[in-house]
Amino acid sequence: MYQFTIKPLAGTDGWEVAGYNIAFTNSAWWMLITTVVLFLFVLGGMRRQLVPGRWQMMVETFTGFIDDMLEANIGKAGRKYVPYVFSLFMFILFANLLGLLPLGIAGVHPFTFTSHFTVTGVLAIISFSIVLLVGFWKHGFHFFSLFVPQGTPLPMIPIIAPIEFISFMVRPFSLALRLFVAMMAGHVLLEVLSSFVIDGANAGVGFGLLVGLPSFILMIGICALELLVAGIQAYVFALLTALYINDAENLH
């Protein structure tokens, strides 16, 4: 589990503030790298050329993809959430992809911070906070009608309302858990298979061919699958955020 260990990059001495250690860690470092990569990616697509180049076209494609998704799930009101959902989607996507880069060959070990529940939890809380702010700002206390579906018989309201409320409050937990589990499981599987390759090679030619080679071939397939999972999980996180915002906007 070494690949998931959070380590301070400059030690922990002298980084105490009000009893809390604020040392800059490898997790924070890769968050910064992801933010810079995202900024440069968007900056390269802001040229607004009449005939867009490949980079501008790629940025516009992703922006249009998020815009279409929000319009399909929220309606015209979803357009104002494009900057946030686009940033959220691309941040998670780049974080997942950067964590899969084989930089360990050059001595640099990428850190997939989306494999930590604390990080995915904060992202989920931000999205959930937006839902609450939009819901109460737009509908006031009528927002609580979200917990009583239309057509619910009056005797069933005391039963349905608490169930709906619990389901609503579990949303940030399930949103964070889904991304965290998917990314952590994939990296653990790759770590296990790589240990089979190394141990098989060290055990001799026989074990190398019997254990190491099949494990290496399987690793290639898992890596391809992880690339797909990286995109899917970013999309699912953005899609569920859009669906939750839709509840706040339209009280469905």
Protein backbone atom coordinates (compact mmCIF):
# COMPACT_ATOMS: atom_id res chain seq x y z
CA MET A 1 0.00 0.00 0.00
CA TYR A 2 3.07 2.25 -0.29
CA GLN A 3 1.67 3.93 -3.41
CA PHE A 4 -1.21 5.38 -1.35
CA THR A 5 0.98 6.77 1.45
CA ILE A 6 0.75 10.54 1.92
CA LYS A 7 4.19 11.95 2.72
CA PRO A 8 5.35 15.51 3.45
CA LEU A 9 7.83 16.69 0.84
CA ALA A 10 9.84 18.96 3.12
CA GLY A 11 9.44 17.22 6.47
CA THR A 12 6.99 18.12 9.18
CA ASP A 13 9.11 20.40 11.37
CA GLY A 14 8.04 24.03 11.47
CA TRP A 15 4.76 23.40 9.71
CA GLU A 16 2.49 23.57 12.75
CA VAL A 17 -0.34 26.13 12.77
CA ALA A 18 -2.80 26.13 15.68
CA GLY A 19 -1.83 22.55 16.47
CA TYR A 20 -2.36 21.34 12.90
CA ASN A 21 0.39 20.24 10.55
CA ILE A 22 0.15 21.96 7.16
CA ALA A 23 3.22 20.42 5.51
CA PHE A 24 3.10 20.28 1.70
CA THR A 25 2.56 16.63 0.79
CA ASN A 26 2.91 14.52 -2.32
CA SER A 27 -0.89 14.55 -2.59
CA ALA A 28 -0.97 18.36 -2.60
CA TRP A 29 1.90 18.40 -5.11
CA TRP A 30 -0.01 16.26 -7.61
CA MET A 31 -3.15 18.33 -7.07
CA LEU A 32 -1.08 21.38 -8.00
CA ILE A 33 0.31 19.60 -11.06
CA THR A 34 -3.21 18.63 -12.13
CA THR A 35 -4.43 22.20 -11.66
CA VAL A 36 -1.56 23.58 -13.75
CA VAL A 37 -2.16 20.99 -16.50
CA LEU A 38 -5.87 21.86 -16.54
CA PHE A 39 -5.09 25.58 -16.69
CA LEU A 40 -2.68 25.12 -19.59
CA PHE A 41 -5.16 22.85 -21.37
CA VAL A 42 -7.91 25.48 -21.19
CA LEU A 43 -5.51 28.33 -21.96
CA GLY A 44 -4.43 26.62 -25.15
CA GLY A 45 -8.03 26.45 -26.33
CA MET A 46 -8.90 30.12 -25.73
CA ARG A 47 -7.40 31.46 -28.97
CA ARG A 48 -10.84 31.74 -30.63
CA GLN A 49 -9.48 31.27 -34.12
CA LEU A 50 -11.99 31.33 -36.96
CA VAL A 51 -10.60 27.99 -38.10
CA PRO A 52 -9.87 26.21 -34.82
CA GLY A 53 -6.73 24.17 -34.43
CA ARG A 54 -6.63 20.73 -32.87
CA TRP A 55 -6.08 22.02 -29.34
CA GLN A 56 -8.87 24.59 -29.54
CA MET A 57 -11.16 22.00 -31.09
CA MET A 58 -10.41 19.55 -28.27
CA VAL A 59 -11.21 22.13 -25.57
CA GLU A 60 -14.38 23.17 -27.38
CA THR A 61 -15.38 19.52 -27.76
CA PHE A 62 -15.12 18.89 -24.03
CA THR A 63 -16.91 22.15 -23.24
CA GLY A 64 -19.69 21.33 -25.67
CA PHE A 65 -19.94 17.83 -24.21
CA ILE A 66 -20.48 19.21 -20.70
CA ASP A 67 -22.87 21.89 -21.99
CA ASP A 68 -24.99 19.27 -23.78
CA MET A 69 -25.01 17.05 -20.69
CA LEU A 70 -26.20 19.89 -18.45
CA GLU A 71 -28.84 21.02 -20.91
CA ALA A 72 -30.14 17.46 -21.25
CA ASN A 73 -30.40 16.97 -17.49
CA ILE A 74 -31.23 20.46 -16.20
CA GLY A 75 -32.46 22.44 -19.18
CA LYS A 76 -31.47 25.94 -20.25
CA ALA A 77 -30.78 26.83 -16.62
CA GLY A 78 -27.93 24.34 -16.63
CA ARG A 79 -25.74 26.56 -18.81
CA LYS A 80 -24.64 28.68 -15.85
CA TYR A 81 -23.14 25.58 -14.21
CA VAL A 82 -20.92 24.73 -17.20
CA PRO A 83 -17.76 26.35 -15.75
CA TYR A 84 -18.01 24.41 -12.49
CA VAL A 85 -19.00 21.03 -13.92
CA PHE A 86 -16.45 21.35 -16.74
CA SER A 87 -13.68 22.15 -14.24
CA LEU A 88 -14.81 19.30 -11.99
CA PHE A 89 -14.91 16.79 -14.85
CA MET A 90 -11.54 17.79 -16.33
CA PHE A 91 -9.84 17.97 -12.92
CA ILE A 92 -10.90 14.42 -12.03
CA LEU A 93 -10.08 13.17 -15.54
CA PHE A 94 -6.57 14.64 -15.52
CA ALA A 95 -5.97 13.44 -11.96
CA ASN A 96 -6.92 9.89 -12.92
CA LEU A 97 -4.84 9.92 -16.10
CA LEU A 98 -1.75 11.49 -14.51
CA GLY A 99 -1.83 8.80 -11.84
CA LEU A 100 -1.56 6.15 -14.56
CA LEU A 101 1.52 7.57 -16.26
CA PRO A 102 4.42 5.06 -16.14
CA LEU A 103 6.82 7.65 -14.71
CA GLY A 104 8.17 5.15 -12.19
CA ILE A 105 10.57 4.00 -14.92
CA ALA A 106 12.26 7.42 -14.64
CA GLY A 107 12.19 7.38 -10.83
CA VAL A 108 9.13 9.63 -10.50
CA HIS A 109 6.14 8.02 -8.82
CA PRO A 110 2.76 9.58 -9.72
CA PHE A 111 0.28 9.94 -6.88
CA THR A 112 -3.38 9.31 -7.69
CA PHE A 113 -5.02 11.55 -5.11
CA THR A 114 -8.50 10.52 -6.29
CA SER A 115 -7.76 7.16 -4.66
CA HIS A 116 -8.13 8.89 -1.27
CA PHE A 117 -11.58 9.28 0.23
CA THR A 118 -10.64 12.61 1.83
CA VAL A 119 -10.08 14.16 -1.61
CA THR A 120 -13.12 12.68 -3.32
CA GLY A 121 -15.12 13.52 -0.20
CA VAL A 122 -14.21 17.21 -0.43
CA LEU A 123 -15.17 17.28 -4.12
CA ALA A 124 -18.50 15.64 -3.27
CA ILE A 125 -19.14 18.08 -0.41
CA ILE A 126 -18.49 21.04 -2.73
CA SER A 127 -21.03 19.70 -5.24
CA PHE A 128 -23.53 18.92 -2.48
CA SER A 129 -23.08 22.41 -1.00
CA ILE A 130 -23.90 23.95 -4.37
CA VAL A 131 -27.07 21.85 -4.51
CA LEU A 132 -28.14 23.07 -1.06
CA LEU A 133 -27.32 26.71 -1.79
CA VAL A 134 -29.17 26.66 -5.11
CA GLY A 135 -32.15 24.82 -3.63
CA PHE A 136 -32.69 27.13 -0.67
CA TRP A 137 -31.80 30.28 -2.64
CA LYS A 138 -34.29 29.53 -5.38
CA HIS A 139 -37.09 27.77 -3.49
CA GLY A 140 -36.63 28.68 0.18
CA PHE A 141 -38.24 26.22 2.57
CA HIS A 142 -40.25 24.82 -0.33
CA PHE A 143 -37.02 22.96 -1.13
CA PHE A 144 -38.09 20.43 1.52
CA SER A 145 -40.90 19.35 -0.82
CA LEU A 146 -38.15 17.41 -2.62
CA PHE A 147 -38.52 14.77 0.09
CA VAL A 148 -42.23 14.26 -0.62
CA PRO A 149 -42.73 13.01 -4.21
CA GLN A 150 -45.82 14.27 -5.99
CA GLY A 151 -48.83 12.03 -5.60
CA THR A 152 -47.67 10.53 -2.29
CA PRO A 153 -50.73 9.56 -0.21
CA LEU A 154 -51.02 11.57 2.99
CA PRO A 155 -50.70 8.54 5.34
CA MET A 156 -47.46 7.55 3.58
CA ILE A 157 -45.72 10.92 4.00
CA PRO A 158 -44.32 10.14 7.52
CA ILE A 159 -42.71 7.02 6.04
CA ILE A 160 -41.61 8.30 2.61
CA ALA A 161 -40.21 11.66 3.75
CA PRO A 162 -37.56 10.23 6.15
CA ILE A 163 -36.50 7.67 3.54
CA GLU A 164 -36.14 10.38 0.89
CA PHE A 165 -34.25 12.59 3.34
CA ILE A 166 -31.78 9.83 4.24
CA SER A 167 -31.34 9.01 0.56
CA PHE A 168 -30.62 12.68 -0.14
CA MET A 169 -28.08 13.01 2.68
CA VAL A 170 -26.24 9.85 1.58
CA ARG A 171 -25.58 11.35 -1.87
CA PRO A 172 -22.22 13.02 -1.09
CA PHE A 173 -20.96 9.84 0.61
CA SER A 174 -21.90 7.59 -2.31
CA LEU A 175 -20.57 10.12 -4.83
CA ALA A 176 -17.18 10.22 -3.11
CA LEU A 177 -17.06 6.49 -2.38
CA ARG A 178 -17.68 5.46 -6.00
CA LEU A 179 -14.68 7.39 -7.36
CA PHE A 180 -12.41 6.47 -4.46
CA VAL A 181 -13.11 2.74 -4.66
CA ALA A 182 -12.78 2.55 -8.45
CA MET A 183 -9.41 4.27 -8.55
CA MET A 184 -7.97 2.52 -5.51
CA ALA A 185 -9.06 -0.95 -6.66
CA GLY A 186 -7.50 -0.50 -10.09
CA HIS A 187 -4.14 0.60 -8.69
CA VAL A 188 -4.09 -2.20 -6.13
CA LEU A 189 -4.75 -4.74 -8.89
CA LEU A 190 -1.91 -3.34 -11.01
CA GLU A 191 0.40 -3.46 -7.98
CA VAL A 192 -0.46 -7.11 -7.30
CA LEU A 193 0.08 -8.11 -10.94
CA SER A 194 3.39 -6.23 -11.11
CA SER A 195 4.58 -8.09 -8.01
CA PHE A 196 3.74 -11.36 -9.79
CA VAL A 197 5.84 -10.25 -12.79
CA ILE A 198 8.83 -9.29 -10.65
CA ASP A 199 8.68 -12.35 -8.37
CA GLY A 200 8.19 -14.66 -11.35
CA ALA A 201 11.21 -13.19 -13.12
CA ASN A 202 13.34 -13.46 -10.00
CA ALA A 203 12.31 -17.10 -9.45
CA GLY A 204 13.76 -18.24 -12.77
CA VAL A 205 12.79 -18.82 -16.36
CA GLY A 206 10.14 -21.45 -15.57
CA PHE A 207 8.22 -19.29 -13.11
CA GLY A 208 8.80 -16.28 -15.33
CA LEU A 209 7.04 -17.93 -18.26
CA LEU A 210 4.39 -19.60 -16.12
CA VAL A 211 3.50 -16.68 -13.82
CA GLY A 212 5.31 -13.53 -14.91
CA LEU A 213 4.43 -13.50 -18.62
CA PRO A 214 0.65 -14.07 -18.19
CA SER A 215 0.62 -11.45 -15.43
CA PHE A 216 2.40 -8.97 -17.69
CA ILE A 217 -0.07 -9.56 -20.52
CA LEU A 218 -2.95 -9.15 -18.08
CA MET A 219 -1.39 -5.92 -16.82
CA ILE A 220 -1.52 -4.48 -20.34
CA GLY A 221 -5.23 -5.24 -20.53
CA ILE A 222 -5.86 -3.82 -17.04
CA CYS A 223 -3.97 -0.64 -17.96
CA ALA A 224 -6.22 -0.19 -21.00
CA LEU A 225 -9.24 -0.80 -18.77
CA GLU A 226 -7.96 1.73 -16.24
CA LEU A 227 -7.76 4.38 -18.95
CA LEU A 228 -11.42 3.69 -19.69
CA VAL A 229 -12.32 3.74 -15.99
CA ALA A 230 -10.50 7.06 -15.55
CA GLY A 231 -12.80 8.67 -18.12
CA ILE A 232 -15.95 6.89 -16.98
CA GLN A 233 -15.51 7.83 -13.32
CA ALA A 234 -14.94 11.48 -14.21
CA TYR A 235 -18.07 11.40 -16.36
CA VAL A 236 -20.16 9.67 -13.69
CA PHE A 237 -19.08 12.20 -11.05
CA ALA A 238 -19.99 15.10 -13.36
CA LEU A 239 -23.26 13.47 -14.45
CA LEU A 240 -24.45 12.80 -10.91
CA THR A 241 -23.52 16.35 -9.94
CA ALA A 242 -25.69 17.58 -12.82
CA LEU A 243 -28.58 15.34 -11.72
CA TYR A 244 -28.34 16.59 -8.14
CA ILE A 245 -28.27 20.21 -9.31
CA ASN A 246 -31.34 19.44 -11.41
CA ASP A 247 -33.19 18.46 -8.23
CA ALA A 248 -32.27 21.83 -6.70
CA GLU A 249 -33.29 23.76 -9.81
CA ASN A 250 -36.51 21.95 -10.71
CA LEU A 251 -37.48 20.05 -7.53
CA HIS A 252 -38.08 16.78 -9.41
